[in-house]
Amino acid sequence: MNRYGQNITWSTPGAPHAFSGTCTNWSYRDHFQRQLDENESGDQHVLIQHSRKAEIRFDARVTDASTDFLDLSTGGAITITGVTGGAILVTRAVERWSLKQPKTASIQATHYPDFTASADAGTLDAFQPANQGLSFLHPGGKIVYGTAGLTHGAGVVHKLELTQERHITEDDPSPNGTILGAASHGYLRTIHLDVLTLNTGTVPANGTVLTIGGAPDHAADFRIESVETKFAEKRGKMVSFTAVWIPPIAS
């Protein structure tokens, strides 16, 4: 793309990337915590700014080269080229497969510029649904498209969303107002699955293991915690599952 006229930074090619893929959105919100103090007349006379940190958000369309999506069960610290100093702790990472849409993924994280930690988030198994034999063309970069390759016993998979979450508990600020430490804990992995049901399909019960054919290893051993059946006029019967996994759960 060529630009003419005023000189601006255009689109996302220069944005930092949290993993391989086509960046669709990047934001970095650097902020202080505000503390005010009143005088004897009840008016504000002191403004204290402390506990500086930054909120990071990264969204991307996943390409066939995206083999480095994070496994936050091993820890929440990551590194991002273009974000220097301190440490970055991820709080949320999401992968989404949707019918007739490219696969997308997103990261939410917090950058603490005043302390350091080595990166410990490993990579999940490289997963691409079987997109072979589809009638779409991608003459340039390849994308992971739709839900081809994902199967479920109840019917046709319309959407799969896999979410990883961690909590951050920050230390109290130091005497000079900086955050020097924080704990990343409480790992939780959840799946939300939408399926168009078939008359020949079998809907699993609450509390059982959610089995998705063609899914990666990190979509295994989830325990179903809710099953929602939905009817709508001029629509096929749908069923939605929510399932959860924590590290102690294994086959």
C-alpha atoms as a PDB file:
ATOM      1  CA  MET A   1       0.000   0.000   0.000  1.00  0.00           C
ATOM      2  CA  ASN A   2       1.232   3.483  -0.878  1.00  0.00           C
ATOM      3  CA  ARG A   3       0.370   6.584   1.147  1.00  0.00           C
ATOM      4  CA  TYR A   4       0.493  10.162  -0.108  1.00  0.00           C
ATOM      5  CA  GLY A   5       0.267  13.464   1.705  1.00  0.00           C
ATOM      6  CA  GLN A   6       0.820  13.723   5.440  1.00  0.00           C
ATOM      7  CA  ASN A   7       3.433  11.527   7.073  1.00  0.00           C
ATOM      8  CA  ILE A   8       1.790   9.184   9.594  1.00  0.00           C
ATOM      9  CA  THR A   9       2.432   5.707  10.931  1.00  0.00           C
ATOM     10  CA  TRP A  10      -0.058   3.564   9.050  1.00  0.00           C
ATOM     11  CA  SER A  11      -1.680   0.280  10.102  1.00  0.00           C
ATOM     12  CA  THR A  12      -0.008  -2.509  12.139  1.00  0.00           C
ATOM     13  CA  PRO A  13       3.189  -3.714  10.374  1.00  0.00           C
ATOM     14  CA  GLY A  14       5.376  -1.985  12.959  1.00  0.00           C
ATOM     15  CA  ALA A  15       3.339  -3.034  16.013  1.00  0.00           C
ATOM     16  CA  PRO A  16       4.912  -5.382  18.580  1.00  0.00           C
ATOM     17  CA  HIS A  17       3.747  -8.986  18.216  1.00  0.00           C
ATOM     18  CA  ALA A  18       2.992 -11.370  21.084  1.00  0.00           C
ATOM     19  CA  PHE A  19       3.087 -14.393  18.732  1.00  0.00           C
ATOM     20  CA  SER A  20       3.160 -15.173  14.998  1.00  0.00           C
ATOM     21  CA  GLY A  21       0.162 -13.983  13.003  1.00  0.00           C
ATOM     22  CA  THR A  22      -1.327 -10.966  11.243  1.00  0.00           C
ATOM     23  CA  CYS A  23      -1.779  -8.203  13.822  1.00  0.00           C
ATOM     24  CA  THR A  24      -5.264  -6.678  13.724  1.00  0.00           C
ATOM     25  CA  ASN A  25      -5.051  -4.569  16.876  1.00  0.00           C
ATOM     26  CA  TRP A  26      -2.378  -3.459  19.334  1.00  0.00           C
ATOM     27  CA  SER A  27      -2.728  -1.129  22.329  1.00  0.00           C
ATOM     28  CA  TYR A  28      -0.406  -0.161  25.188  1.00  0.00           C
ATOM     29  CA  ARG A  29      -1.934   1.912  28.017  1.00  0.00           C
ATOM     30  CA  ASP A  30       0.751   3.279  30.350  1.00  0.00           C
ATOM     31  CA  HIS A  31      -0.752   4.700  33.547  1.00  0.00           C
ATOM     32  CA  PHE A  32      -0.207   5.648  37.196  1.00  0.00           C
ATOM     33  CA  GLN A  33      -2.456   5.114  40.197  1.00  0.00           C
ATOM     34  CA  ARG A  34      -3.755   8.448  41.475  1.00  0.00           C
ATOM     35  CA  GLN A  35      -3.912   9.378  45.168  1.00  0.00           C
ATOM     36  CA  LEU A  36      -5.210  12.730  46.412  1.00  0.00           C
ATOM     37  CA  ASP A  37      -4.847  14.376  49.827  1.00  0.00           C
ATOM     38  CA  GLU A  38      -7.038  17.129  51.243  1.00  0.00           C
ATOM     39  CA  ASN A  39      -6.090  20.122  53.353  1.00  0.00           C
ATOM     40  CA  GLU A  40      -7.978  21.367  56.435  1.00  0.00           C
ATOM     41  CA  SER A  41     -10.531  23.160  54.243  1.00  0.00           C
ATOM     42  CA  GLY A  42     -11.417  19.960  52.400  1.00  0.00           C
ATOM     43  CA  ASP A  43      -9.677  21.013  49.189  1.00  0.00           C
ATOM     44  CA  GLN A  44      -7.258  18.859  47.261  1.00  0.00           C
ATOM     45  CA  HIS A  45      -3.708  20.061  47.865  1.00  0.00           C
ATOM     46  CA  VAL A  46      -1.532  17.026  47.105  1.00  0.00           C
ATOM     47  CA  LEU A  47      -1.519  14.753  44.044  1.00  0.00           C
ATOM     48  CA  ILE A  48       0.480  11.527  44.354  1.00  0.00           C
ATOM     49  CA  GLN A  49       1.145   9.359  41.296  1.00  0.00           C
ATOM     50  CA  HIS A  50       2.507   5.891  42.029  1.00  0.00           C
ATOM     51  CA  SER A  51       2.395   2.204  41.015  1.00  0.00           C
ATOM     52  CA  ARG A  52       3.105   2.715  37.335  1.00  0.00           C
ATOM     53  CA  LYS A  53       2.168  -0.131  34.966  1.00  0.00           C
ATOM     54  CA  ALA A  54       0.843  -0.629  31.438  1.00  0.00           C
ATOM     55  CA  GLU A  55      -2.023  -2.683  30.022  1.00  0.00           C
ATOM     56  CA  ILE A  56      -1.264  -4.514  26.752  1.00  0.00           C
ATOM     57  CA  ARG A  57      -3.769  -5.900  24.250  1.00  0.00           C
ATOM     58  CA  PHE A  58      -2.830  -7.802  21.099  1.00  0.00           C
ATOM     59  CA  ASP A  59      -5.272  -9.302  18.562  1.00  0.00           C
ATOM     60  CA  ALA A  60      -4.288 -11.297  15.485  1.00  0.00           C
ATOM     61  CA  ARG A  61      -5.501 -13.488  12.649  1.00  0.00           C
ATOM     62  CA  VAL A  62      -3.701 -16.787  13.032  1.00  0.00           C
ATOM     63  CA  THR A  63      -1.516 -18.001  10.152  1.00  0.00           C
ATOM     64  CA  ASP A  64      -0.110 -21.436   9.447  1.00  0.00           C
ATOM     65  CA  ALA A  65       3.171 -20.167  10.940  1.00  0.00           C
ATOM     66  CA  SER A  66       1.597 -19.566  14.357  1.00  0.00           C
ATOM     67  CA  THR A  67       3.280 -22.391  16.222  1.00  0.00           C
ATOM     68  CA  ASP A  68       4.151 -20.371  19.316  1.00  0.00           C
ATOM     69  CA  PHE A  69       0.834 -19.647  21.043  1.00  0.00           C
ATOM     70  CA  LEU A  70       1.347 -19.495  24.796  1.00  0.00           C
ATOM     71  CA  ASP A  71       0.798 -22.166  27.419  1.00  0.00           C
ATOM     72  CA  LEU A  72       0.095 -20.103  30.521  1.00  0.00           C
ATOM     73  CA  SER A  73      -0.186 -23.144  32.799  1.00  0.00           C
ATOM     74  CA  THR A  74       3.599 -23.059  33.190  1.00  0.00           C
ATOM     75  CA  GLY A  75       3.655 -19.382  34.218  1.00  0.00           C
ATOM     76  CA  GLY A  76       2.461 -15.990  33.059  1.00  0.00           C
ATOM     77  CA  ALA A  77       5.712 -14.144  32.229  1.00  0.00           C
ATOM     78  CA  ILE A  78       6.470 -13.513  28.541  1.00  0.00           C
ATOM     79  CA  THR A  79       8.682 -11.289  26.437  1.00  0.00           C
ATOM     80  CA  ILE A  80       7.504  -9.135  23.518  1.00  0.00           C
ATOM     81  CA  THR A  81       9.953  -7.649  21.036  1.00  0.00           C
ATOM     82  CA  GLY A  82       9.418  -3.899  21.107  1.00  0.00           C
ATOM     83  CA  VAL A  83       8.432  -3.738  24.792  1.00  0.00           C
ATOM     84  CA  THR A  84      11.621  -3.213  26.777  1.00  0.00           C
ATOM     85  CA  GLY A  85      12.452  -3.164  30.479  1.00  0.00           C
ATOM     86  CA  GLY A  86      10.650  -4.727  33.422  1.00  0.00           C
ATOM     87  CA  ALA A  87       8.454  -7.804  33.020  1.00  0.00           C
ATOM     88  CA  ILE A  88       5.219  -8.689  31.210  1.00  0.00           C
ATOM     89  CA  LEU A  89       2.605 -10.924  32.887  1.00  0.00           C
ATOM     90  CA  VAL A  90      -0.277 -12.310  30.812  1.00  0.00           C
ATOM     91  CA  THR A  91      -3.748 -12.394  32.386  1.00  0.00           C
ATOM     92  CA  ARG A  92      -5.811 -13.720  29.456  1.00  0.00           C
ATOM     93  CA  ALA A  93      -5.113 -15.552  26.179  1.00  0.00           C
ATOM     94  CA  VAL A  94      -7.899 -16.615  23.796  1.00  0.00           C
ATOM     95  CA  GLU A  95      -8.021 -18.736  20.617  1.00  0.00           C
ATOM     96  CA  ARG A  96     -11.180 -18.705  18.459  1.00  0.00           C
ATOM     97  CA  TRP A  97     -12.320 -20.917  15.584  1.00  0.00           C
ATOM     98  CA  SER A  98     -15.598 -19.789  13.925  1.00  0.00           C
ATOM     99  CA  LEU A  99     -17.562 -21.063  10.954  1.00  0.00           C
ATOM    100  CA  LYS A 100     -16.722 -19.076   7.780  1.00  0.00           C
ATOM    101  CA  GLN A 101     -14.131 -16.941   9.613  1.00  0.00           C
ATOM    102  CA  PRO A 102     -10.331 -16.981   9.954  1.00  0.00           C
ATOM    103  CA  LYS A 103      -9.011 -18.268  13.254  1.00  0.00           C
ATOM    104  CA  THR A 104      -8.178 -15.402  15.635  1.00  0.00           C
ATOM    105  CA  ALA A 105      -6.272 -15.112  18.890  1.00  0.00           C
ATOM    106  CA  SER A 106      -5.766 -12.397  21.480  1.00  0.00           C
ATOM    107  CA  ILE A 107      -3.568 -11.591  24.467  1.00  0.00           C
ATOM    108  CA  GLN A 108      -4.177  -9.324  27.459  1.00  0.00           C
ATOM    109  CA  ALA A 109      -1.174  -8.610  29.666  1.00  0.00           C
ATOM    110  CA  THR A 110       0.302  -6.140  32.148  1.00  0.00           C
ATOM    111  CA  HIS A 111       3.760  -4.606  31.781  1.00  0.00           C
ATOM    112  CA  TYR A 112       5.562  -3.786  35.037  1.00  0.00           C
ATOM    113  CA  PRO A 113       8.508  -1.545  34.077  1.00  0.00           C
ATOM    114  CA  ASP A 114      10.176  -1.558  37.513  1.00  0.00           C
ATOM    115  CA  PHE A 115      10.873  -5.246  38.122  1.00  0.00           C
ATOM    116  CA  THR A 116      12.253  -8.176  36.182  1.00  0.00           C
ATOM    117  CA  ALA A 117      11.340 -11.817  35.678  1.00  0.00           C
ATOM    118  CA  SER A 118      12.439 -14.412  33.165  1.00  0.00           C
ATOM    119  CA  ALA A 119       9.883 -15.538  30.602  1.00  0.00           C
ATOM    120  CA  ASP A 120       8.330 -18.869  31.579  1.00  0.00           C
ATOM    121  CA  ALA A 121       5.231 -19.299  29.379  1.00  0.00           C
ATOM    122  CA  GLY A 122       5.952 -22.241  27.108  1.00  0.00           C
ATOM    123  CA  THR A 123       4.283 -22.953  23.769  1.00  0.00           C
ATOM    124  CA  LEU A 124       1.202 -25.033  23.138  1.00  0.00           C
ATOM    125  CA  ASP A 125       1.263 -27.737  20.476  1.00  0.00           C
ATOM    126  CA  ALA A 126       1.097 -26.260  16.988  1.00  0.00           C
ATOM    127  CA  PHE A 127      -2.501 -26.768  15.962  1.00  0.00           C
ATOM    128  CA  GLN A 128      -4.118 -26.212  12.591  1.00  0.00           C
ATOM    129  CA  PRO A 129      -7.472 -27.836  11.777  1.00  0.00           C
ATOM    130  CA  ALA A 130      -7.505 -29.941   8.598  1.00  0.00           C
ATOM    131  CA  ASN A 131      -8.254 -27.244   6.016  1.00  0.00           C
ATOM    132  CA  GLN A 132      -7.377 -29.455   3.061  1.00  0.00           C
ATOM    133  CA  GLY A 133      -9.941 -29.846   0.311  1.00  0.00           C
ATOM    134  CA  LEU A 134     -11.805 -26.615   1.000  1.00  0.00           C
ATOM    135  CA  SER A 135     -12.960 -24.474  -1.926  1.00  0.00           C
ATOM    136  CA  PHE A 136     -11.212 -21.263  -0.857  1.00  0.00           C
ATOM    137  CA  LEU A 137      -7.893 -19.961  -2.151  1.00  0.00           C
ATOM    138  CA  HIS A 138      -5.131 -18.139  -0.316  1.00  0.00           C
ATOM    139  CA  PRO A 139      -2.560 -17.193  -2.941  1.00  0.00           C
ATOM    140  CA  GLY A 140      -0.432 -15.212  -0.482  1.00  0.00           C
ATOM    141  CA  GLY A 141      -0.077 -15.976   3.204  1.00  0.00           C
ATOM    142  CA  LYS A 142      -2.008 -18.958   4.469  1.00  0.00           C
ATOM    143  CA  ILE A 143      -4.632 -18.603   7.204  1.00  0.00           C
ATOM    144  CA  VAL A 144      -6.395 -21.125   9.402  1.00  0.00           C
ATOM    145  CA  TYR A 145     -10.010 -20.906   8.252  1.00  0.00           C
ATOM    146  CA  GLY A 146     -13.332 -21.897   9.792  1.00  0.00           C
ATOM    147  CA  THR A 147     -13.906 -25.022  11.860  1.00  0.00           C
ATOM    148  CA  ALA A 148     -12.873 -27.596   9.249  1.00  0.00           C
ATOM    149  CA  GLY A 149     -11.215 -30.516  11.009  1.00  0.00           C
ATOM    150  CA  LEU A 150     -13.092 -29.998  14.301  1.00  0.00           C
ATOM    151  CA  THR A 151     -15.764 -32.605  15.061  1.00  0.00           C
ATOM    152  CA  HIS A 152     -18.152 -33.344  17.908  1.00  0.00           C
ATOM    153  CA  GLY A 153     -20.558 -36.189  18.553  1.00  0.00           C
ATOM    154  CA  ALA A 154     -23.574 -33.879  18.855  1.00  0.00           C
ATOM    155  CA  GLY A 155     -23.300 -32.394  15.356  1.00  0.00           C
ATOM    156  CA  VAL A 156     -21.536 -29.683  13.354  1.00  0.00           C
ATOM    157  CA  VAL A 157     -19.045 -27.402  15.169  1.00  0.00           C
ATOM    158  CA  HIS A 158     -19.916 -23.734  14.578  1.00  0.00           C
ATOM    159  CA  LYS A 159     -17.545 -22.133  17.083  1.00  0.00           C
ATOM    160  CA  LEU A 160     -14.802 -23.113  19.504  1.00  0.00           C
ATOM    161  CA  GLU A 161     -13.282 -20.602  21.930  1.00  0.00           C
ATOM    162  CA  LEU A 162     -10.416 -21.690  24.185  1.00  0.00           C
ATOM    163  CA  THR A 163      -9.495 -19.248  26.970  1.00  0.00           C
ATOM    164  CA  GLN A 164      -6.562 -19.281  29.394  1.00  0.00           C
ATOM    165  CA  GLU A 165      -6.605 -17.002  32.454  1.00  0.00           C
ATOM    166  CA  ARG A 166      -4.261 -16.117  35.294  1.00  0.00           C
ATOM    167  CA  HIS A 167      -4.651 -13.706  38.213  1.00  0.00           C
ATOM    168  CA  ILE A 168      -2.066 -11.118  39.286  1.00  0.00           C
ATOM    169  CA  THR A 169      -1.593 -10.110  42.925  1.00  0.00           C
ATOM    170  CA  GLU A 170       0.696  -7.088  43.186  1.00  0.00           C
ATOM    171  CA  ASP A 171       3.016  -6.292  46.067  1.00  0.00           C
ATOM    172  CA  ASP A 172       2.460  -3.041  47.911  1.00  0.00           C
ATOM    173  CA  PRO A 173       4.359  -0.179  46.250  1.00  0.00           C
ATOM    174  CA  SER A 174       7.866   0.607  47.427  1.00  0.00           C
ATOM    175  CA  PRO A 175       8.562   3.821  49.395  1.00  0.00           C
ATOM    176  CA  ASN A 176       9.333   5.608  46.119  1.00  0.00           C
ATOM    177  CA  GLY A 177       6.005   4.529  44.584  1.00  0.00           C
ATOM    178  CA  THR A 178       7.067   1.714  42.229  1.00  0.00           C
ATOM    179  CA  ILE A 179       5.747  -1.848  41.953  1.00  0.00           C
ATOM    180  CA  LEU A 180       8.686  -4.205  42.492  1.00  0.00           C
ATOM    181  CA  GLY A 181       6.947  -7.578  42.565  1.00  0.00           C
ATOM    182  CA  ALA A 182       3.746  -9.450  41.729  1.00  0.00           C
ATOM    183  CA  ALA A 183       2.472 -13.031  41.870  1.00  0.00           C
ATOM    184  CA  SER A 184       0.882 -14.701  38.829  1.00  0.00           C
ATOM    185  CA  HIS A 185      -1.429 -17.499  39.999  1.00  0.00           C
ATOM    186  CA  GLY A 186      -4.798 -19.249  39.746  1.00  0.00           C
ATOM    187  CA  TYR A 187      -4.446 -20.753  36.258  1.00  0.00           C
ATOM    188  CA  LEU A 188      -7.754 -21.693  34.612  1.00  0.00           C
ATOM    189  CA  ARG A 189      -8.508 -22.937  31.093  1.00  0.00           C
ATOM    190  CA  THR A 190     -12.070 -22.900  29.709  1.00  0.00           C
ATOM    191  CA  ILE A 191     -13.750 -23.925  26.470  1.00  0.00           C
ATOM    192  CA  HIS A 192     -16.952 -22.599  24.941  1.00  0.00           C
ATOM    193  CA  LEU A 193     -18.305 -24.745  22.115  1.00  0.00           C
ATOM    194  CA  ASP A 194     -21.332 -24.095  19.836  1.00  0.00           C
ATOM    195  CA  VAL A 195     -22.689 -27.061  17.878  1.00  0.00           C
ATOM    196  CA  LEU A 196     -25.508 -27.402  15.324  1.00  0.00           C
ATOM    197  CA  THR A 197     -27.135 -30.619  16.507  1.00  0.00           C
ATOM    198  CA  LEU A 198     -27.992 -33.527  14.229  1.00  0.00           C
ATOM    199  CA  ASN A 199     -30.816 -35.988  14.865  1.00  0.00           C
ATOM    200  CA  THR A 200     -28.229 -38.743  14.941  1.00  0.00           C
ATOM    201  CA  GLY A 201     -25.968 -36.856  17.362  1.00  0.00           C
ATOM    202  CA  THR A 202     -25.364 -37.512  21.060  1.00  0.00           C
ATOM    203  CA  VAL A 203     -25.261 -34.617  23.533  1.00  0.00           C
ATOM    204  CA  PRO A 204     -22.932 -35.362  26.482  1.00  0.00           C
ATOM    205  CA  ALA A 205     -24.125 -34.726  30.028  1.00  0.00           C
ATOM    206  CA  ASN A 206     -22.933 -32.161  32.512  1.00  0.00           C
ATOM    207  CA  GLY A 207     -19.920 -33.266  34.502  1.00  0.00           C
ATOM    208  CA  THR A 208     -18.555 -35.546  31.786  1.00  0.00           C
ATOM    209  CA  VAL A 209     -15.439 -35.020  29.678  1.00  0.00           C
ATOM    210  CA  LEU A 210     -15.884 -32.795  26.611  1.00  0.00           C
ATOM    211  CA  THR A 211     -14.421 -34.605  23.597  1.00  0.00           C
ATOM    212  CA  ILE A 212     -13.657 -32.582  20.445  1.00  0.00           C
ATOM    213  CA  GLY A 213     -12.289 -34.451  17.457  1.00  0.00           C
ATOM    214  CA  GLY A 214      -9.352 -32.861  15.662  1.00  0.00           C
ATOM    215  CA  ALA A 215      -8.602 -30.498  18.535  1.00  0.00           C
ATOM    216  CA  PRO A 216      -5.126 -29.967  20.023  1.00  0.00           C
ATOM    217  CA  ASP A 217      -3.855 -31.615  23.188  1.00  0.00           C
ATOM    218  CA  HIS A 218      -4.647 -28.497  25.203  1.00  0.00           C
ATOM    219  CA  ALA A 219      -8.364 -29.014  24.444  1.00  0.00           C
ATOM    220  CA  ALA A 220      -8.394 -32.397  26.201  1.00  0.00           C
ATOM    221  CA  ASP A 221      -9.698 -33.458  29.638  1.00  0.00           C
ATOM    222  CA  PHE A 222     -12.118 -30.529  30.023  1.00  0.00           C
ATOM    223  CA  ARG A 223     -15.037 -31.202  32.400  1.00  0.00           C
ATOM    224  CA  ILE A 224     -18.415 -29.916  31.191  1.00  0.00           C
ATOM    225  CA  GLU A 225     -20.027 -27.471  33.634  1.00  0.00           C
ATOM    226  CA  SER A 226     -22.991 -26.207  31.572  1.00  0.00           C
ATOM    227  CA  VAL A 227     -25.057 -27.401  28.613  1.00  0.00           C
ATOM    228  CA  GLU A 228     -27.475 -24.984  26.932  1.00  0.00           C
ATOM    229  CA  THR A 229     -29.982 -26.088  24.278  1.00  0.00           C
ATOM    230  CA  LYS A 230     -31.283 -23.331  21.985  1.00  0.00           C
ATOM    231  CA  PHE A 231     -34.200 -23.185  19.532  1.00  0.00           C
ATOM    232  CA  ALA A 232     -34.916 -20.235  17.229  1.00  0.00           C
ATOM    233  CA  GLU A 233     -37.403 -19.651  14.429  1.00  0.00           C
ATOM    234  CA  LYS A 234     -36.050 -20.744  11.044  1.00  0.00           C
ATOM    235  CA  ARG A 235     -32.847 -21.998  12.636  1.00  0.00           C
ATOM    236  CA  GLY A 236     -31.464 -25.414  13.419  1.00  0.00           C
ATOM    237  CA  LYS A 237     -31.386 -26.623  16.996  1.00  0.00           C
ATOM    238  CA  MET A 238     -28.124 -25.563  18.666  1.00  0.00           C
ATOM    239  CA  VAL A 239     -26.367 -26.693  21.816  1.00  0.00           C
ATOM    240  CA  SER A 240     -23.628 -24.775  23.661  1.00  0.00           C
ATOM    241  CA  PHE A 241     -21.143 -26.283  26.086  1.00  0.00           C
ATOM    242  CA  THR A 242     -18.917 -24.633  28.663  1.00  0.00           C
ATOM    243  CA  ALA A 243     -16.144 -26.781  30.091  1.00  0.00           C
ATOM    244  CA  VAL A 244     -13.213 -26.145  32.424  1.00  0.00           C
ATOM    245  CA  TRP A 245      -9.714 -27.499  33.055  1.00  0.00           C
ATOM    246  CA  ILE A 246      -7.108 -26.913  35.783  1.00  0.00           C
ATOM    247  CA  PRO A 247      -3.608 -28.463  35.885  1.00  0.00           C
ATOM    248  CA  PRO A 248      -4.440 -31.295  38.362  1.00  0.00           C
ATOM    249  CA  ILE A 249      -7.044 -32.715  35.942  1.00  0.00           C
ATOM    250  CA  ALA A 250      -5.604 -35.419  33.695  1.00  0.00           C
ATOM    251  CA  SER A 251      -6.829 -38.496  31.883  1.00  0.00           C
END
